[in-house]
Amino acid sequence: MEHWMERFSGCRALVMGAGQGAMNAKGIHQLWMLFSLAWLVLEMDAASFEQFKKKHVDYPMNLPESYNNYCNQMMMSRGMKYRYYNTFINASDYTLKHICSKYDDGPWISDN
């Protein structure tokens, strides 16, 4: 085991004796917290993108009975009451994520 420790000195905390136990536990808790935070951020991003899609994306496009009432029909079918206007985008998730990259301009935000 000592040979392994010398070869992979960066992993020393994983194989050292009981004297380092408190240090290892603290490091593991910090690592767990970091992964938990990352998971929460990813979940929030996914939820906000899904909300954005529900409000503004119609892909593939549902053919309306009348193009004059397309927006009204879409808003009614999604339970979007008390809105005077809305915009629907006919694009795939792939296209949206590449055009509207949150890393360029911040999070996806909708005032509607």
PDB file of N, CA and C in Angstrom:
ATOM      1  N   MET A   1       0.826  -1.186   0.000  1.00  0.00           N
ATOM      2  CA  MET A   1       0.000   0.000   0.000  1.00  0.00           C
ATOM      3  C   MET A   1       0.872   1.253   0.000  1.00  0.00           C
ATOM      4  N   GLU A   2       2.012   1.211   0.614  1.00  0.00           N
ATOM      5  CA  GLU A   2       2.879   2.385   0.627  1.00  0.00           C
ATOM      6  C   GLU A   2       3.352   2.720  -0.776  1.00  0.00           C
ATOM      7  N   HIS A   3       3.606   1.683  -1.580  1.00  0.00           N
ATOM      8  CA  HIS A   3       4.009   1.925  -2.959  1.00  0.00           C
ATOM      9  C   HIS A   3       2.897   2.681  -3.702  1.00  0.00           C
ATOM     10  N   TRP A   4       1.660   2.264  -3.467  1.00  0.00           N
ATOM     11  CA  TRP A   4       0.533   2.936  -4.087  1.00  0.00           C
ATOM     12  C   TRP A   4       0.456   4.388  -3.641  1.00  0.00           C
ATOM     13  N   MET A   5       0.718   4.618  -2.330  1.00  0.00           N
ATOM     14  CA  MET A   5       0.674   5.983  -1.799  1.00  0.00           C
ATOM     15  C   MET A   5       1.734   6.854  -2.443  1.00  0.00           C
ATOM     16  N   GLU A   6       2.911   6.302  -2.669  1.00  0.00           N
ATOM     17  CA  GLU A   6       3.973   7.100  -3.277  1.00  0.00           C
ATOM     18  C   GLU A   6       3.645   7.414  -4.730  1.00  0.00           C
ATOM     19  N   ARG A   7       3.097   6.436  -5.415  1.00  0.00           N
ATOM     20  CA  ARG A   7       2.808   6.617  -6.820  1.00  0.00           C
ATOM     21  C   ARG A   7       1.664   7.599  -7.050  1.00  0.00           C
ATOM     22  N   PHE A   8       0.669   7.569  -6.201  1.00  0.00           N
ATOM     23  CA  PHE A   8      -0.489   8.447  -6.313  1.00  0.00           C
ATOM     24  C   PHE A   8      -0.566   9.330  -5.071  1.00  0.00           C
ATOM     25  N   SER A   9       0.381  10.212  -4.915  1.00  0.00           N
ATOM     26  CA  SER A   9       0.455  11.018  -3.697  1.00  0.00           C
ATOM     27  C   SER A   9      -0.762  11.926  -3.527  1.00  0.00           C
ATOM     28  N   GLY A  10      -1.443  12.266  -4.589  1.00  0.00           N
ATOM     29  CA  GLY A  10      -2.630  13.100  -4.480  1.00  0.00           C
ATOM     30  C   GLY A  10      -3.781  12.389  -3.788  1.00  0.00           C
ATOM     31  N   CYS A  11      -3.739  11.058  -3.701  1.00  0.00           N
ATOM     32  CA  CYS A  11      -4.809  10.278  -3.067  1.00  0.00           C
ATOM     33  C   CYS A  11      -4.424   9.840  -1.667  1.00  0.00           C
ATOM     34  N   ARG A  12      -3.445  10.437  -1.092  1.00  0.00           N
ATOM     35  CA  ARG A  12      -2.936  10.016   0.207  1.00  0.00           C
ATOM     36  C   ARG A  12      -4.022   9.953   1.274  1.00  0.00           C
ATOM     37  N   ALA A  13      -4.949  10.879   1.270  1.00  0.00           N
ATOM     38  CA  ALA A  13      -5.994  10.917   2.299  1.00  0.00           C
ATOM     39  C   ALA A  13      -6.867   9.672   2.274  1.00  0.00           C
ATOM     40  N   LEU A  14      -6.957   9.007   1.161  1.00  0.00           N
ATOM     41  CA  LEU A  14      -7.795   7.819   1.061  1.00  0.00           C
ATOM     42  C   LEU A  14      -7.180   6.601   1.726  1.00  0.00           C
ATOM     43  N   VAL A  15      -5.851   6.582   1.895  1.00  0.00           N
ATOM     44  CA  VAL A  15      -5.200   5.376   2.405  1.00  0.00           C
ATOM     45  C   VAL A  15      -4.419   5.596   3.688  1.00  0.00           C
ATOM     46  N   MET A  16      -4.407   6.796   4.243  1.00  0.00           N
ATOM     47  CA  MET A  16      -3.640   7.054   5.461  1.00  0.00           C
ATOM     48  C   MET A  16      -4.325   6.458   6.674  1.00  0.00           C
ATOM     49  N   GLY A  17      -3.616   6.422   7.776  1.00  0.00           N
ATOM     50  CA  GLY A  17      -4.091   5.795   9.007  1.00  0.00           C
ATOM     51  C   GLY A  17      -5.174   6.584   9.719  1.00  0.00           C
ATOM     52  N   ALA A  18      -5.519   6.117  10.932  1.00  0.00           N
ATOM     53  CA  ALA A  18      -6.627   6.676  11.706  1.00  0.00           C
ATOM     54  C   ALA A  18      -6.388   8.116  12.132  1.00  0.00           C
ATOM     55  N   GLY A  19      -5.154   8.562  12.211  1.00  0.00           N
ATOM     56  CA  GLY A  19      -4.857   9.927  12.626  1.00  0.00           C
ATOM     57  C   GLY A  19      -5.463  10.965  11.701  1.00  0.00           C
ATOM     58  N   GLN A  20      -5.726  10.611  10.484  1.00  0.00           N
ATOM     59  CA  GLN A  20      -6.282  11.546   9.505  1.00  0.00           C
ATOM     60  C   GLN A  20      -7.803  11.412   9.362  1.00  0.00           C
ATOM     61  N   GLY A  21      -8.438  10.605  10.188  1.00  0.00           N
ATOM     62  CA  GLY A  21      -9.877  10.333  10.055  1.00  0.00           C
ATOM     63  C   GLY A  21     -10.739  11.573  10.086  1.00  0.00           C
ATOM     64  N   ALA A  22     -10.492  12.478  11.026  1.00  0.00           N
ATOM     65  CA  ALA A  22     -11.306  13.697  11.123  1.00  0.00           C
ATOM     66  C   ALA A  22     -11.133  14.557   9.880  1.00  0.00           C
ATOM     67  N   MET A  23      -9.926  14.631   9.392  1.00  0.00           N
ATOM     68  CA  MET A  23      -9.660  15.416   8.190  1.00  0.00           C
ATOM     69  C   MET A  23     -10.379  14.808   6.986  1.00  0.00           C
ATOM     70  N   ASN A  24     -10.334  13.478   6.883  1.00  0.00           N
ATOM     71  CA  ASN A  24     -10.998  12.812   5.763  1.00  0.00           C
ATOM     72  C   ASN A  24     -12.501  13.025   5.813  1.00  0.00           C
ATOM     73  N   ALA A  25     -13.098  12.904   6.993  1.00  0.00           N
ATOM     74  CA  ALA A  25     -14.541  13.089   7.133  1.00  0.00           C
ATOM     75  C   ALA A  25     -14.944  14.506   6.747  1.00  0.00           C
ATOM     76  N   LYS A  26     -14.165  15.484   7.154  1.00  0.00           N
ATOM     77  CA  LYS A  26     -14.465  16.873   6.811  1.00  0.00           C
ATOM     78  C   LYS A  26     -14.385  17.071   5.299  1.00  0.00           C
ATOM     79  N   GLY A  27     -13.365  16.519   4.686  1.00  0.00           N
ATOM     80  CA  GLY A  27     -13.207  16.639   3.238  1.00  0.00           C
ATOM     81  C   GLY A  27     -14.339  15.972   2.476  1.00  0.00           C
ATOM     82  N   ILE A  28     -14.768  14.813   2.964  1.00  0.00           N
ATOM     83  CA  ILE A  28     -15.862  14.100   2.309  1.00  0.00           C
ATOM     84  C   ILE A  28     -17.158  14.889   2.438  1.00  0.00           C
ATOM     85  N   HIS A  29     -17.397  15.484   3.608  1.00  0.00           N
ATOM     86  CA  HIS A  29     -18.608  16.296   3.784  1.00  0.00           C
ATOM     87  C   HIS A  29     -18.591  17.518   2.864  1.00  0.00           C
ATOM     88  N   GLN A  30     -17.428  18.130   2.739  1.00  0.00           N
ATOM     89  CA  GLN A  30     -17.327  19.287   1.849  1.00  0.00           C
ATOM     90  C   GLN A  30     -17.571  18.876   0.401  1.00  0.00           C
ATOM     91  N   LEU A  31     -17.014  17.734   0.014  1.00  0.00           N
ATOM     92  CA  LEU A  31     -17.213  17.242  -1.342  1.00  0.00           C
ATOM     93  C   LEU A  31     -18.686  16.912  -1.583  1.00  0.00           C
ATOM     94  N   TRP A  32     -19.326  16.294  -0.599  1.00  0.00           N
ATOM     95  CA  TRP A  32     -20.744  15.965  -0.710  1.00  0.00           C
ATOM     96  C   TRP A  32     -21.572  17.238  -0.864  1.00  0.00           C
ATOM     97  N   MET A  33     -21.255  18.267  -0.086  1.00  0.00           N
ATOM     98  CA  MET A  33     -21.980  19.540  -0.183  1.00  0.00           C
ATOM     99  C   MET A  33     -21.796  20.168  -1.565  1.00  0.00           C
ATOM    100  N   LEU A  34     -20.582  20.086  -2.097  1.00  0.00           N
ATOM    101  CA  LEU A  34     -20.309  20.635  -3.421  1.00  0.00           C
ATOM    102  C   LEU A  34     -21.144  19.924  -4.484  1.00  0.00           C
ATOM    103  N   PHE A  35     -21.175  18.594  -4.437  1.00  0.00           N
ATOM    104  CA  PHE A  35     -21.974  17.843  -5.401  1.00  0.00           C
ATOM    105  C   PHE A  35     -23.464  18.123  -5.231  1.00  0.00           C
ATOM    106  N   SER A  36     -23.924  18.272  -4.001  1.00  0.00           N
ATOM    107  CA  SER A  36     -25.335  18.576  -3.747  1.00  0.00           C
ATOM    108  C   SER A  36     -25.708  19.932  -4.326  1.00  0.00           C
ATOM    109  N   LEU A  37     -24.844  20.914  -4.136  1.00  0.00           N
ATOM    110  CA  LEU A  37     -25.098  22.249  -4.674  1.00  0.00           C
ATOM    111  C   LEU A  37     -25.130  22.217  -6.198  1.00  0.00           C
ATOM    112  N   ALA A  38     -24.191  21.505  -6.799  1.00  0.00           N
ATOM    113  CA  ALA A  38     -24.166  21.397  -8.260  1.00  0.00           C
ATOM    114  C   ALA A  38     -25.448  20.748  -8.778  1.00  0.00           C
ATOM    115  N   TRP A  39     -25.919  19.712  -8.086  1.00  0.00           N
ATOM    116  CA  TRP A  39     -27.149  19.030  -8.490  1.00  0.00           C
ATOM    117  C   TRP A  39     -28.341  19.982  -8.415  1.00  0.00           C
ATOM    118  N   LEU A  40     -28.419  20.773  -7.338  1.00  0.00           N
ATOM    119  CA  LEU A  40     -29.529  21.723  -7.190  1.00  0.00           C
ATOM    120  C   LEU A  40     -29.529  22.766  -8.301  1.00  0.00           C
ATOM    121  N   VAL A  41     -28.354  23.263  -8.649  1.00  0.00           N
ATOM    122  CA  VAL A  41     -28.253  24.259  -9.720  1.00  0.00           C
ATOM    123  C   VAL A  41     -28.727  23.661 -11.036  1.00  0.00           C
ATOM    124  N   LEU A  42     -28.302  22.433 -11.320  1.00  0.00           N
ATOM    125  CA  LEU A  42     -28.734  21.785 -12.560  1.00  0.00           C
ATOM    126  C   LEU A  42     -30.241  21.562 -12.575  1.00  0.00           C
ATOM    127  N   GLU A  43     -30.807  21.184 -11.441  1.00  0.00           N
ATOM    128  CA  GLU A  43     -32.253  20.973 -11.361  1.00  0.00           C
ATOM    129  C   GLU A  43     -33.009  22.284 -11.577  1.00  0.00           C
ATOM    130  N   MET A  44     -32.509  23.379 -11.005  1.00  0.00           N
ATOM    131  CA  MET A  44     -33.180  24.670 -11.171  1.00  0.00           C
ATOM    132  C   MET A  44     -33.116  25.117 -12.621  1.00  0.00           C
ATOM    133  N   ASP A  45     -31.968  24.912 -13.278  1.00  0.00           N
ATOM    134  CA  ASP A  45     -31.855  25.268 -14.690  1.00  0.00           C
ATOM    135  C   ASP A  45     -32.839  24.478 -15.530  1.00  0.00           C
ATOM    136  N   ALA A  46     -32.948  23.192 -15.255  1.00  0.00           N
ATOM    137  CA  ALA A  46     -33.865  22.342 -16.011  1.00  0.00           C
ATOM    138  C   ALA A  46     -35.304  22.797 -15.802  1.00  0.00           C
ATOM    139  N   ALA A  47     -35.672  23.125 -14.575  1.00  0.00           N
ATOM    140  CA  ALA A  47     -37.034  23.562 -14.282  1.00  0.00           C
ATOM    141  C   ALA A  47     -37.342  24.880 -14.978  1.00  0.00           C
ATOM    142  N   SER A  48     -36.415  25.827 -14.950  1.00  0.00           N
ATOM    143  CA  SER A  48     -36.684  27.119 -15.575  1.00  0.00           C
ATOM    144  C   SER A  48     -36.786  26.976 -17.093  1.00  0.00           C
ATOM    145  N   PHE A  49     -36.004  26.083 -17.686  1.00  0.00           N
ATOM    146  CA  PHE A  49     -36.093  25.861 -19.128  1.00  0.00           C
ATOM    147  C   PHE A  49     -37.431  25.218 -19.479  1.00  0.00           C
ATOM    148  N   GLU A  50     -37.885  24.279 -18.658  1.00  0.00           N
ATOM    149  CA  GLU A  50     -39.178  23.645 -18.896  1.00  0.00           C
ATOM    150  C   GLU A  50     -40.312  24.664 -18.766  1.00  0.00           C
ATOM    151  N   GLN A  51     -40.211  25.570 -17.803  1.00  0.00           N
ATOM    152  CA  GLN A  51     -41.226  26.617 -17.654  1.00  0.00           C
ATOM    153  C   GLN A  51     -41.225  27.536 -18.871  1.00  0.00           C
ATOM    154  N   PHE A  52     -40.036  27.896 -19.336  1.00  0.00           N
ATOM    155  CA  PHE A  52     -39.910  28.736 -20.523  1.00  0.00           C
ATOM    156  C   PHE A  52     -40.568  28.048 -21.718  1.00  0.00           C
ATOM    157  N   LYS A  53     -40.289  26.756 -21.881  1.00  0.00           N
ATOM    158  CA  LYS A  53     -40.870  26.017 -23.002  1.00  0.00           C
ATOM    159  C   LYS A  53     -42.391  25.971 -22.910  1.00  0.00           C
ATOM    160  N   LYS A  54     -42.913  25.773 -21.713  1.00  0.00           N
ATOM    161  CA  LYS A  54     -44.373  25.714 -21.556  1.00  0.00           C
ATOM    162  C   LYS A  54     -45.021  27.032 -21.967  1.00  0.00           C
ATOM    163  N   LYS A  55     -44.364  28.131 -21.659  1.00  0.00           N
ATOM    164  CA  LYS A  55     -44.936  29.443 -21.966  1.00  0.00           C
ATOM    165  C   LYS A  55     -44.713  29.880 -23.410  1.00  0.00           C
ATOM    166  N   HIS A  56     -43.595  29.445 -24.025  1.00  0.00           N
ATOM    167  CA  HIS A  56     -43.215  30.076 -25.288  1.00  0.00           C
ATOM    168  C   HIS A  56     -42.847  29.151 -26.441  1.00  0.00           C
ATOM    169  N   VAL A  57     -42.820  27.837 -26.246  1.00  0.00           N
ATOM    170  CA  VAL A  57     -42.363  26.957 -27.323  1.00  0.00           C
ATOM    171  C   VAL A  57     -43.500  26.065 -27.804  1.00  0.00           C
ATOM    172  N   ASP A  58     -43.676  26.023 -29.104  1.00  0.00           N
ATOM    173  CA  ASP A  58     -44.630  25.116 -29.743  1.00  0.00           C
ATOM    174  C   ASP A  58     -43.865  24.373 -30.838  1.00  0.00           C
ATOM    175  N   TYR A  59     -43.254  23.258 -30.450  1.00  0.00           N
ATOM    176  CA  TYR A  59     -42.467  22.473 -31.409  1.00  0.00           C
ATOM    177  C   TYR A  59     -42.742  21.001 -31.207  1.00  0.00           C
ATOM    178  N   PRO A  60     -43.048  20.254 -32.232  1.00  0.00           N
ATOM    179  CA  PRO A  60     -43.345  20.746 -33.580  1.00  0.00           C
ATOM    180  C   PRO A  60     -44.638  21.560 -33.559  1.00  0.00           C
ATOM    181  N   MET A  61     -44.731  22.459 -34.488  1.00  0.00           N
ATOM    182  CA  MET A  61     -45.844  23.408 -34.488  1.00  0.00           C
ATOM    183  C   MET A  61     -47.180  22.696 -34.622  1.00  0.00           C
ATOM    184  N   ASN A  62     -48.099  23.030 -33.732  1.00  0.00           N
ATOM    185  CA  ASN A  62     -49.474  22.540 -33.829  1.00  0.00           C
ATOM    186  C   ASN A  62     -50.197  23.394 -34.859  1.00  0.00           C
ATOM    187  N   LEU A  63     -50.745  22.755 -35.848  1.00  0.00           N
ATOM    188  CA  LEU A  63     -51.446  23.519 -36.879  1.00  0.00           C
ATOM    189  C   LEU A  63     -52.758  24.050 -36.321  1.00  0.00           C
ATOM    190  N   PRO A  64     -52.926  25.357 -36.352  1.00  0.00           N
ATOM    191  CA  PRO A  64     -54.144  25.963 -35.796  1.00  0.00           C
ATOM    192  C   PRO A  64     -55.322  25.826 -36.750  1.00  0.00           C
ATOM    193  N   GLU A  65     -56.511  25.923 -36.172  1.00  0.00           N
ATOM    194  CA  GLU A  65     -57.720  25.937 -36.999  1.00  0.00           C
ATOM    195  C   GLU A  65     -57.735  27.196 -37.858  1.00  0.00           C
ATOM    196  N   SER A  66     -57.257  28.279 -37.275  1.00  0.00           N
ATOM    197  CA  SER A  66     -57.198  29.556 -37.977  1.00  0.00           C
ATOM    198  C   SER A  66     -55.911  30.259 -37.555  1.00  0.00           C
ATOM    199  N   TYR A  67     -55.119  30.687 -38.520  1.00  0.00           N
ATOM    200  CA  TYR A  67     -53.866  31.363 -38.175  1.00  0.00           C
ATOM    201  C   TYR A  67     -54.112  32.687 -37.453  1.00  0.00           C
ATOM    202  N   ASN A  68     -55.290  33.265 -37.637  1.00  0.00           N
ATOM    203  CA  ASN A  68     -55.615  34.505 -36.943  1.00  0.00           C
ATOM    204  C   ASN A  68     -55.745  34.281 -35.439  1.00  0.00           C
ATOM    205  N   ASN A  69     -56.128  33.079 -35.035  1.00  0.00           N
ATOM    206  CA  ASN A  69     -56.337  32.774 -33.620  1.00  0.00           C
ATOM    207  C   ASN A  69     -55.266  31.854 -33.041  1.00  0.00           C
ATOM    208  N   TYR A  70     -54.173  31.662 -33.750  1.00  0.00           N
ATOM    209  CA  TYR A  70     -53.135  30.721 -33.314  1.00  0.00           C
ATOM    210  C   TYR A  70     -52.676  30.989 -31.878  1.00  0.00           C
ATOM    211  N   CYS A  71     -52.309  32.211 -31.591  1.00  0.00           N
ATOM    212  CA  CYS A  71     -51.796  32.551 -30.259  1.00  0.00           C
ATOM    213  C   CYS A  71     -52.863  32.323 -29.186  1.00  0.00           C
ATOM    214  N   ASN A  72     -54.082  32.770 -29.460  1.00  0.00           N
ATOM    215  CA  ASN A  72     -55.170  32.577 -28.494  1.00  0.00           C
ATOM    216  C   ASN A  72     -55.428  31.097 -28.228  1.00  0.00           C
ATOM    217  N   GLN A  73     -55.432  30.282 -29.288  1.00  0.00           N
ATOM    218  CA  GLN A  73     -55.650  28.848 -29.129  1.00  0.00           C
ATOM    219  C   GLN A  73     -54.538  28.210 -28.294  1.00  0.00           C
ATOM    220  N   MET A  74     -53.300  28.591 -28.555  1.00  0.00           N
ATOM    221  CA  MET A  74     -52.166  28.030 -27.811  1.00  0.00           C
ATOM    222  C   MET A  74     -52.230  28.436 -26.341  1.00  0.00           C
ATOM    223  N   MET A  75     -52.555  29.687 -26.087  1.00  0.00           N
ATOM    224  CA  MET A  75     -52.634  30.156 -24.704  1.00  0.00           C
ATOM    225  C   MET A  75     -53.760  29.453 -23.952  1.00  0.00           C
ATOM    226  N   MET A  76     -54.894  29.257 -24.597  1.00  0.00           N
ATOM    227  CA  MET A  76     -56.007  28.565 -23.951  1.00  0.00           C
ATOM    228  C   MET A  76     -55.654  27.106 -23.678  1.00  0.00           C
ATOM    229  N   SER A  77     -54.995  26.448 -24.629  1.00  0.00           N
ATOM    230  CA  SER A  77     -54.656  25.032 -24.447  1.00  0.00           C
ATOM    231  C   SER A  77     -53.644  24.828 -23.319  1.00  0.00           C
ATOM    232  N   ARG A  78     -52.889  25.857 -22.993  1.00  0.00           N
ATOM    233  CA  ARG A  78     -51.882  25.761 -21.925  1.00  0.00           C
ATOM    234  C   ARG A  78     -52.346  26.405 -20.623  1.00  0.00           C
ATOM    235  N   GLY A  79     -53.580  26.834 -20.587  1.00  0.00           N
ATOM    236  CA  GLY A  79     -54.124  27.416 -19.359  1.00  0.00           C
ATOM    237  C   GLY A  79     -53.522  28.761 -19.001  1.00  0.00           C
ATOM    238  N   MET A  80     -53.152  29.533 -19.997  1.00  0.00           N
ATOM    239  CA  MET A  80     -52.535  30.843 -19.765  1.00  0.00           C
ATOM    240  C   MET A  80     -53.626  31.915 -19.828  1.00  0.00           C
ATOM    241  N   LYS A  81     -54.317  32.115 -18.733  1.00  0.00           N
ATOM    242  CA  LYS A  81     -55.424  33.067 -18.678  1.00  0.00           C
ATOM    243  C   LYS A  81     -54.917  34.471 -18.376  1.00  0.00           C
ATOM    244  N   TYR A  82     -55.734  35.433 -18.705  1.00  0.00           N
ATOM    245  CA  TYR A  82     -55.502  36.842 -18.366  1.00  0.00           C
ATOM    246  C   TYR A  82     -54.236  37.404 -19.001  1.00  0.00           C
ATOM    247  N   ARG A  83     -53.916  36.963 -20.181  1.00  0.00           N
ATOM    248  CA  ARG A  83     -52.790  37.532 -20.919  1.00  0.00           C
ATOM    249  C   ARG A  83     -53.330  38.139 -22.207  1.00  0.00           C
ATOM    250  N   TYR A  84     -52.811  39.293 -22.532  1.00  0.00           N
ATOM    251  CA  TYR A  84     -53.258  39.949 -23.750  1.00  0.00           C
ATOM    252  C   TYR A  84     -52.430  39.532 -24.951  1.00  0.00           C
ATOM    253  N   TYR A  85     -51.191  39.117 -24.717  1.00  0.00           N
ATOM    254  CA  TYR A  85     -50.324  38.713 -25.821  1.00  0.00           C
ATOM    255  C   TYR A  85     -49.270  37.733 -25.306  1.00  0.00           C
ATOM    256  N   ASN A  86     -48.687  37.016 -26.236  1.00  0.00           N
ATOM    257  CA  ASN A  86     -47.610  36.079 -25.930  1.00  0.00           C
ATOM    258  C   ASN A  86     -46.891  35.767 -27.235  1.00  0.00           C
ATOM    259  N   THR A  87     -45.700  35.243 -27.128  1.00  0.00           N
ATOM    260  CA  THR A  87     -44.926  34.851 -28.294  1.00  0.00           C
ATOM    261  C   THR A  87     -44.637  33.364 -28.209  1.00  0.00           C
ATOM    262  N   PHE A  88     -44.868  32.644 -29.310  1.00  0.00           N
ATOM    263  CA  PHE A  88     -44.543  31.224 -29.366  1.00  0.00           C
ATOM    264  C   PHE A  88     -43.431  31.008 -30.384  1.00  0.00           C
ATOM    265  N   ILE A  89     -42.506  30.163 -30.019  1.00  0.00           N
ATOM    266  CA  ILE A  89     -41.342  29.859 -30.847  1.00  0.00           C
ATOM    267  C   ILE A  89     -41.504  28.448 -31.384  1.00  0.00           C
ATOM    268  N   ASN A  90     -41.288  28.281 -32.671  1.00  0.00           N
ATOM    269  CA  ASN A  90     -41.362  26.964 -33.287  1.00  0.00           C
ATOM    270  C   ASN A  90     -39.941  26.481 -33.559  1.00  0.00           C
ATOM    271  N   ALA A  91     -39.279  25.991 -32.511  1.00  0.00           N
ATOM    272  CA  ALA A  91     -37.894  25.521 -32.632  1.00  0.00           C
ATOM    273  C   ALA A  91     -37.653  24.394 -31.635  1.00  0.00           C
ATOM    274  N   SER A  92     -36.716  23.526 -31.964  1.00  0.00           N
ATOM    275  CA  SER A  92     -36.385  22.388 -31.100  1.00  0.00           C
ATOM    276  C   SER A  92     -35.582  22.840 -29.881  1.00  0.00           C
ATOM    277  N   ASP A  93     -35.501  21.966 -28.880  1.00  0.00           N
ATOM    278  CA  ASP A  93     -34.681  22.248 -27.694  1.00  0.00           C
ATOM    279  C   ASP A  93     -33.236  22.500 -28.101  1.00  0.00           C
ATOM    280  N   TYR A  94     -32.742  21.690 -29.016  1.00  0.00           N
ATOM    281  CA  TYR A  94     -31.355  21.818 -29.481  1.00  0.00           C
ATOM    282  C   TYR A  94     -31.108  23.214 -30.043  1.00  0.00           C
ATOM    283  N   THR A  95     -32.005  23.669 -30.892  1.00  0.00           N
ATOM    284  CA  THR A  95     -31.859  24.996 -31.500  1.00  0.00           C
ATOM    285  C   THR A  95     -31.940  26.091 -30.447  1.00  0.00           C
ATOM    286  N   LEU A  96     -32.906  25.988 -29.547  1.00  0.00           N
ATOM    287  CA  LEU A  96     -33.054  27.004 -28.500  1.00  0.00           C
ATOM    288  C   LEU A  96     -31.815  27.100 -27.624  1.00  0.00           C
ATOM    289  N   LYS A  97     -31.284  25.962 -27.218  1.00  0.00           N
ATOM    290  CA  LYS A  97     -30.128  25.973 -26.322  1.00  0.00           C
ATOM    291  C   LYS A  97     -28.892  26.536 -26.997  1.00  0.00           C
ATOM    292  N   HIS A  98     -28.802  26.390 -28.315  1.00  0.00           N
ATOM    293  CA  HIS A  98     -27.636  26.933 -29.004  1.00  0.00           C
ATOM    294  C   HIS A  98     -27.802  28.404 -29.373  1.00  0.00           C
ATOM    295  N   ILE A  99     -29.018  28.832 -29.601  1.00  0.00           N
ATOM    296  CA  ILE A  99     -29.255  30.243 -29.919  1.00  0.00           C
ATOM    297  C   ILE A  99     -29.333  31.075 -28.647  1.00  0.00           C
ATOM    298  N   CYS A 100     -30.038  30.573 -27.657  1.00  0.00           N
ATOM    299  CA  CYS A 100     -30.279  31.311 -26.415  1.00  0.00           C
ATOM    300  C   CYS A 100     -29.434  30.732 -25.290  1.00  0.00           C
ATOM    301  N   SER A 101     -28.152  30.678 -25.480  1.00  0.00           N
ATOM    302  CA  SER A 101     -27.282  30.079 -24.473  1.00  0.00           C
ATOM    303  C   SER A 101     -27.268  30.914 -23.211  1.00  0.00           C
ATOM    304  N   LYS A 102     -27.624  30.310 -22.079  1.00  0.00           N
ATOM    305  CA  LYS A 102     -27.659  31.031 -20.809  1.00  0.00           C
ATOM    306  C   LYS A 102     -26.274  31.455 -20.367  1.00  0.00           C
ATOM    307  N   TYR A 103     -25.252  30.800 -20.874  1.00  0.00           N
ATOM    308  CA  TYR A 103     -23.901  31.142 -20.466  1.00  0.00           C
ATOM    309  C   TYR A 103     -23.426  32.434 -21.118  1.00  0.00           C
ATOM    310  N   ASP A 104     -24.098  32.862 -22.171  1.00  0.00           N
ATOM    311  CA  ASP A 104     -23.736  34.114 -22.826  1.00  0.00           C
ATOM    312  C   ASP A 104     -24.452  35.301 -22.197  1.00  0.00           C
ATOM    313  N   ASP A 105     -25.730  35.158 -21.928  1.00  0.00           N
ATOM    314  CA  ASP A 105     -26.541  36.298 -21.502  1.00  0.00           C
ATOM    315  C   ASP A 105     -27.206  36.124 -20.145  1.00  0.00           C
ATOM    316  N   GLY A 106     -26.862  35.108 -19.396  1.00  0.00           N
ATOM    317  CA  GLY A 106     -27.497  34.877 -18.109  1.00  0.00           C
ATOM    318  C   GLY A 106     -28.630  33.878 -18.228  1.00  0.00           C
ATOM    319  N   PRO A 107     -29.458  33.759 -17.195  1.00  0.00           N
ATOM    320  CA  PRO A 107     -30.521  32.750 -17.193  1.00  0.00           C
ATOM    321  C   PRO A 107     -31.646  33.104 -18.152  1.00  0.00           C
ATOM    322  N   TRP A 108     -32.423  32.082 -18.523  1.00  0.00           N
ATOM    323  CA  TRP A 108     -33.596  32.318 -19.358  1.00  0.00           C
ATOM    324  C   TRP A 108     -34.636  33.011 -18.500  1.00  0.00           C
ATOM    325  N   ILE A 109     -35.081  34.157 -18.940  1.00  0.00           N
ATOM    326  CA  ILE A 109     -36.037  34.927 -18.147  1.00  0.00           C
ATOM    327  C   ILE A 109     -37.225  35.281 -19.028  1.00  0.00           C
ATOM    328  N   SER A 110     -38.398  35.133 -18.464  1.00  0.00           N
ATOM    329  CA  SER A 110     -39.613  35.502 -19.168  1.00  0.00           C
ATOM    330  C   SER A 110     -40.421  36.430 -18.271  1.00  0.00           C
ATOM    331  N   ASP A 111     -40.820  37.569 -18.788  1.00  0.00           N
ATOM    332  CA  ASP A 111     -41.657  38.493 -18.029  1.00  0.00           C
ATOM    333  C   ASP A 111     -43.122  38.092 -18.110  1.00  0.00           C
ATOM    334  N   ASN A 112     -43.441  37.161 -19.000  1.00  0.00           N
ATOM    335  CA  ASN A 112     -44.840  36.755 -19.193  1.00  0.00           C
ATOM    336  C   ASN A 112     -45.206  35.681 -18.229  1.00  0.00           C
TER     337      ASN A 112
END
